[in-house]
Amino acid sequence: MIITIVGPTGVGKTKLSIELAKRFNAEIINADSAQIYQEMNIGTAKITDLEGMTHHLLNIKKLNEDYTVYDFQKEGRLIINNILKKGKNIIIVGGSGLYISALLFDYKFNKEDKNKLLNISVNEMFSELLKNNIRVDKNNHQRIIRLYNKHILNKEPINIKAENKILYDTLIIGLTTNRDNLYQRINNRVDNMIKEGLLEEVKFLFNKYPQSKQLRTTIGYKEFINYFNQIQTIEEVIEKIKQNSRRFAKRQYTWFNNKMKVIWFDTNYENFNKTIKQIEKYINN
């Protein structure tokens, strides 16, 4: 059995994945593109206590190493097949819609595409898409990469819909909450990250990996560049992180609703165990 847990940032996906892994004898595959990297901890809200559960594709790369959706798809599918051979269940969890889609659906990448993607910046991809009359939000880096791979590298006609053929039989569970509550949780989470030492973490990582593409494109890290360059105050940077996180949550909803058949559950934050039991009951039925 494969259970996929999706939803916007800060909604409780990680906690749910741990609890379901305990109940269903499952191993967990991380599908958060930022949590693949080591040392990006506070800004990604990375789990610190695995509670004995086996996790894959978590903390596997350094920030000076390249890792693409092509790599994730290839390695993730090998891991899925190996876990199934052991007779265990699988839980895929994360908010990176492109990564989850590439893993589960018939998204095709060529080997040469990987090298081409590594040698071109997101801004260059964005410019190339515009030249071909393909419109996309310049801040949505994952969508830019997907469209560039699809329409520029693989030359797929623009009027062709995204691949919908699913390769693995999976139950896709989504956690949600009302917008006001979600946005407040996101704001509070950013404030807590600052208290936990996010600024210090970002300073350390930019000093250690000054050329890292991941640091320069990940929400919670890239915003500090203007602070280091004395363009914005720390208060302005914090507000920008909150704003970008809220916008990202909105894009996540759009992706999951448009690309996947998600069974949504409202999260009970006052008693999260009720949410867990509700989802467990649904899975068992």
Protein backbone atom coordinates (compact mmCIF):
# COMPACT_ATOMS: atom_id res chain seq x y z
CA MET A 1 0.00 0.00 0.00
CA ILE A 2 1.18 3.48 -0.88
CA ILE A 3 -0.23 6.50 0.94
CA THR A 4 0.66 9.97 -0.31
CA ILE A 5 0.20 12.92 2.05
CA VAL A 6 -0.06 16.36 0.48
CA GLY A 7 -1.15 19.83 1.48
CA PRO A 8 0.13 23.38 1.89
CA THR A 9 3.10 24.40 4.01
CA GLY A 10 2.58 24.33 7.78
CA VAL A 11 -0.57 22.20 7.79
CA GLY A 12 0.70 19.16 9.72
CA LYS A 13 1.81 16.70 7.03
CA THR A 14 5.01 15.57 8.76
CA LYS A 15 3.30 14.69 12.04
CA LEU A 16 0.60 12.77 10.19
CA SER A 17 3.20 10.81 8.19
CA ILE A 18 4.95 9.65 11.36
CA GLU A 19 1.73 8.51 13.01
CA LEU A 20 0.49 6.66 9.93
CA ALA A 21 3.90 5.02 9.45
CA LYS A 22 3.60 3.60 12.98
CA ARG A 23 0.10 2.28 12.37
CA PHE A 24 0.67 0.79 8.92
CA ASN A 25 4.23 -0.58 9.15
CA ALA A 26 5.43 1.88 6.55
CA GLU A 27 8.64 3.58 5.46
CA ILE A 28 8.51 7.28 4.62
CA ILE A 29 9.73 8.94 1.44
CA ASN A 30 10.35 12.68 1.74
CA ALA A 31 8.91 14.73 -1.12
CA ASP A 32 9.92 18.18 0.07
CA SER A 33 12.52 19.45 -2.41
CA ALA A 34 14.29 21.60 0.20
CA GLN A 35 14.50 18.91 2.89
CA ILE A 36 16.57 16.79 0.55
CA TYR A 37 19.49 19.06 1.47
CA GLN A 38 21.59 18.81 4.61
CA GLU A 39 21.90 21.76 7.00
CA MET A 40 18.75 23.54 5.78
CA ASN A 41 16.91 22.77 8.98
CA ILE A 42 15.12 25.68 10.63
CA GLY A 43 13.96 27.37 7.43
CA THR A 44 12.48 24.15 6.05
CA ALA A 45 10.87 23.09 9.35
CA LYS A 46 12.76 19.83 8.94
CA ILE A 47 11.82 17.01 11.27
CA THR A 48 14.35 16.41 14.05
CA ASP A 49 12.82 13.38 15.77
CA LEU A 50 12.15 10.55 13.33
CA GLU A 51 10.61 8.49 16.16
CA GLY A 52 12.28 5.36 14.84
CA MET A 53 10.60 5.54 11.46
CA THR A 54 12.71 4.92 8.35
CA HIS A 55 12.96 7.99 6.11
CA HIS A 56 14.25 8.14 2.55
CA LEU A 57 15.52 11.09 0.46
CA LEU A 58 15.93 13.24 3.56
CA ASN A 59 19.26 15.01 4.23
CA ILE A 60 20.97 13.24 1.34
CA LYS A 61 22.69 16.13 -0.47
CA LYS A 62 25.04 18.96 0.41
CA LEU A 63 24.20 22.48 -0.66
CA ASN A 64 27.04 22.56 -3.16
CA GLU A 65 25.68 19.45 -4.91
CA ASP A 66 23.14 19.50 -7.72
CA TYR A 67 19.94 17.53 -7.44
CA THR A 68 17.07 17.75 -9.89
CA VAL A 69 13.55 16.43 -10.21
CA TYR A 70 15.02 13.91 -12.65
CA ASP A 71 17.25 12.56 -9.85
CA PHE A 72 14.34 12.47 -7.41
CA GLN A 73 12.14 10.59 -9.85
CA LYS A 74 14.83 8.00 -10.61
CA GLU A 75 15.90 7.41 -7.00
CA GLY A 76 12.38 7.62 -5.60
CA ARG A 77 11.04 4.93 -7.91
CA LEU A 78 13.89 2.59 -7.02
CA ILE A 79 13.12 3.13 -3.34
CA ILE A 80 9.40 2.48 -3.87
CA ASN A 81 10.12 -0.80 -5.65
CA ASN A 82 12.60 -1.92 -2.98
CA ILE A 83 10.19 -1.19 -0.12
CA LEU A 84 7.36 -3.03 -1.85
CA LYS A 85 9.64 -6.04 -2.36
CA LYS A 86 10.17 -6.12 1.41
CA GLY A 87 6.42 -6.34 1.89
CA LYS A 88 6.18 -3.01 3.72
CA ASN A 89 3.88 -0.08 3.10
CA ILE A 90 5.00 3.33 1.87
CA ILE A 91 4.13 6.86 2.88
CA ILE A 92 5.15 9.68 0.54
CA VAL A 93 4.92 13.07 2.21
CA GLY A 94 5.71 16.61 1.13
CA GLY A 95 4.53 19.81 -0.41
CA SER A 96 6.56 19.82 -3.62
CA GLY A 97 3.88 19.11 -6.19
CA LEU A 98 6.26 18.71 -9.12
CA TYR A 99 8.36 16.14 -7.26
CA ILE A 100 5.34 14.10 -6.20
CA SER A 101 3.86 14.22 -9.71
CA ALA A 102 7.17 13.21 -11.28
CA LEU A 103 7.43 10.28 -8.88
CA LEU A 104 3.89 8.92 -9.20
CA PHE A 105 2.80 9.93 -12.69
CA ASP A 106 4.06 9.32 -16.20
CA TYR A 107 6.38 12.31 -16.32
CA LYS A 108 9.23 11.55 -18.71
CA PHE A 109 12.73 13.01 -18.42
CA ASN A 110 15.66 12.19 -20.68
CA LYS A 111 19.19 11.72 -19.34
CA GLU A 112 20.48 14.60 -21.41
CA ASP A 113 17.73 16.84 -20.00
CA LYS A 114 19.31 16.54 -16.55
CA ASN A 115 22.58 18.10 -17.70
CA LYS A 116 20.79 20.80 -19.63
CA LEU A 117 18.73 21.69 -16.59
CA LEU A 118 21.85 21.86 -14.45
CA ASN A 119 23.61 24.28 -16.79
CA ILE A 120 20.86 26.86 -17.12
CA SER A 121 19.46 29.18 -14.50
CA VAL A 122 15.77 29.50 -13.66
CA ASN A 123 15.83 33.08 -14.98
CA GLU A 124 17.19 31.85 -18.31
CA MET A 125 14.48 29.20 -18.44
CA PHE A 126 11.87 31.88 -17.70
CA SER A 127 13.18 34.08 -20.54
CA GLU A 128 13.15 31.16 -22.97
CA LEU A 129 9.55 30.34 -22.05
CA LEU A 130 8.49 33.94 -22.69
CA LYS A 131 10.18 33.85 -26.10
CA ASN A 132 7.93 30.89 -26.91
CA ASN A 133 4.81 32.69 -25.64
CA ILE A 134 4.54 30.42 -22.59
CA ARG A 135 3.33 32.50 -19.65
CA VAL A 136 4.24 31.54 -16.11
CA ASP A 137 4.67 33.24 -12.74
CA LYS A 138 8.36 34.23 -12.55
CA ASN A 139 8.43 33.35 -8.83
CA ASN A 140 7.12 29.81 -9.35
CA HIS A 141 10.47 28.13 -9.98
CA GLN A 142 9.18 24.56 -9.95
CA ARG A 143 6.59 25.31 -12.63
CA ILE A 144 9.20 27.14 -14.73
CA ILE A 145 11.47 24.08 -14.62
CA ARG A 146 8.60 21.74 -15.46
CA LEU A 147 7.41 23.82 -18.41
CA TYR A 148 10.94 24.30 -19.70
CA ASN A 149 11.61 20.57 -19.58
CA LYS A 150 8.28 19.76 -21.15
CA HIS A 151 7.94 22.33 -23.93
CA ILE A 152 11.49 23.50 -24.67
CA LEU A 153 13.60 20.38 -24.12
CA ASN A 154 11.05 17.72 -25.06
CA LYS A 155 9.24 20.01 -27.51
CA GLU A 156 5.80 18.89 -26.39
CA PRO A 157 3.02 20.99 -27.96
CA ILE A 158 1.70 23.65 -25.62
CA ASN A 159 -1.94 22.59 -26.00
CA ILE A 160 -1.23 19.09 -24.64
CA LYS A 161 -2.48 18.67 -21.07
CA ALA A 162 -0.13 17.52 -18.33
CA GLU A 163 0.36 13.80 -17.98
CA ASN A 164 -2.39 12.17 -15.95
CA LYS A 165 -1.43 8.50 -16.14
CA ILE A 166 -0.57 7.32 -12.65
CA LEU A 167 2.05 4.60 -12.35
CA TYR A 168 1.51 3.56 -8.75
CA ASP A 169 -1.73 2.68 -7.00
CA THR A 170 -1.77 5.25 -4.22
CA LEU A 171 -4.28 6.85 -1.89
CA ILE A 172 -3.67 10.60 -1.87
CA ILE A 173 -4.58 12.20 1.45
CA GLY A 174 -4.63 15.98 1.78
CA LEU A 175 -4.58 18.05 4.96
CA THR A 176 -6.29 21.42 4.82
CA THR A 177 -7.68 24.23 6.94
CA ASN A 178 -9.46 27.50 6.23
CA ARG A 179 -7.37 30.23 4.64
CA ASP A 180 -7.33 32.62 7.59
CA ASN A 181 -6.17 29.88 9.94
CA LEU A 182 -3.55 28.64 7.49
CA TYR A 183 -2.11 32.10 6.91
CA GLN A 184 -1.96 32.76 10.64
CA ARG A 185 -0.19 29.45 11.20
CA ILE A 186 2.30 30.32 8.47
CA ASN A 187 2.96 33.74 10.02
CA ASN A 188 3.43 32.20 13.47
CA ARG A 189 5.72 29.53 12.11
CA VAL A 190 8.00 32.12 10.52
CA ASP A 191 8.13 34.05 13.81
CA ASN A 192 9.08 30.83 15.60
CA MET A 193 11.80 30.12 13.04
CA ILE A 194 13.33 33.51 13.76
CA LYS A 195 13.26 32.77 17.50
CA GLU A 196 14.89 29.37 16.86
CA GLY A 197 17.81 31.02 15.07
CA LEU A 198 16.89 31.19 11.37
CA LEU A 199 19.00 34.30 10.77
CA GLU A 200 22.06 32.61 12.23
CA GLU A 201 21.44 29.46 10.19
CA VAL A 202 21.11 31.44 6.96
CA LYS A 203 24.28 33.48 7.67
CA PHE A 204 26.24 30.31 8.31
CA LEU A 205 25.01 28.58 5.16
CA PHE A 206 25.57 31.54 2.84
CA ASN A 207 29.11 31.87 4.18
CA LYS A 208 29.75 28.17 3.71
CA TYR A 209 27.97 27.81 0.34
CA PRO A 210 27.97 31.29 -1.28
CA GLN A 211 27.19 29.92 -4.76
CA SER A 212 24.42 27.52 -3.73
CA LYS A 213 21.46 27.70 -6.13
CA GLN A 214 19.25 26.08 -3.53
CA LEU A 215 19.87 28.82 -0.95
CA ARG A 216 19.12 31.48 -3.54
CA THR A 217 15.79 29.96 -4.59
CA THR A 218 14.28 28.52 -1.39
CA ILE A 219 11.69 30.50 0.58
CA GLY A 220 13.04 31.30 4.01
CA TYR A 221 16.60 31.64 2.74
CA LYS A 222 16.61 33.68 -0.48
CA GLU A 223 14.85 36.63 1.18
CA PHE A 224 17.87 37.28 3.40
CA ILE A 225 20.03 38.27 0.43
CA ASN A 226 18.57 41.77 0.49
CA TYR A 227 19.27 41.99 4.21
CA PHE A 228 22.90 40.96 3.76
CA ASN A 229 23.22 43.55 0.99
CA GLN A 230 21.68 46.19 3.29
CA ILE A 231 18.74 46.72 0.95
CA GLN A 232 16.04 45.64 3.43
CA THR A 233 15.70 45.57 7.19
CA ILE A 234 15.30 42.30 9.06
CA GLU A 235 11.65 43.22 9.71
CA GLU A 236 11.05 43.63 5.98
CA VAL A 237 12.74 40.31 5.28
CA ILE A 238 10.57 38.51 7.84
CA GLU A 239 7.43 39.98 6.31
CA LYS A 240 8.64 38.96 2.84
CA ILE A 241 9.16 35.37 4.00
CA LYS A 242 5.62 35.32 5.37
CA GLN A 243 4.23 36.76 2.15
CA ASN A 244 6.14 34.31 -0.07
CA SER A 245 5.11 31.40 2.15
CA ARG A 246 1.44 32.36 1.91
CA ARG A 247 1.68 32.68 -1.86
CA PHE A 248 3.42 29.33 -2.07
CA ALA A 249 0.63 27.71 -0.04
CA LYS A 250 -1.88 29.07 -2.53
CA ARG A 251 0.10 27.61 -5.45
CA GLN A 252 0.32 24.27 -3.64
CA TYR A 253 -3.47 24.08 -3.38
CA THR A 254 -3.77 24.90 -7.08
CA TRP A 255 -1.29 22.18 -8.07
CA PHE A 256 -2.77 19.43 -5.92
CA ASN A 257 -6.34 20.23 -6.91
CA ASN A 258 -5.51 20.37 -10.63
CA LYS A 259 -3.09 17.46 -10.88
CA MET A 260 -4.25 14.87 -8.36
CA LYS A 261 -7.35 13.20 -6.99
CA VAL A 262 -6.94 14.23 -3.38
CA ILE A 263 -9.14 13.19 -0.47
CA TRP A 264 -9.07 16.29 1.75
CA PHE A 265 -9.40 16.27 5.54
CA ASP A 266 -9.83 19.35 7.71
CA THR A 267 -7.10 19.43 10.33
CA ASN A 268 -8.22 19.56 13.95
CA TYR A 269 -5.38 21.50 15.56
CA GLU A 270 -6.97 21.43 19.01
CA ASN A 271 -7.00 17.63 18.92
CA PHE A 272 -4.81 16.34 16.11
CA ASN A 273 -5.39 12.75 17.23
CA LYS A 274 -8.97 13.07 16.01
CA THR A 275 -7.68 13.93 12.55
CA ILE A 276 -5.31 10.97 12.64
CA LYS A 277 -8.05 8.56 13.70
CA GLN A 278 -10.41 9.91 11.04
CA ILE A 279 -7.82 9.35 8.30
CA GLU A 280 -6.85 5.94 9.70
CA LYS A 281 -10.48 4.86 9.62
CA TYR A 282 -10.83 6.07 6.03
CA ILE A 283 -7.73 4.13 4.96
CA ASN A 284 -8.91 0.93 6.65
CA ASN A 285 -12.27 1.15 4.94
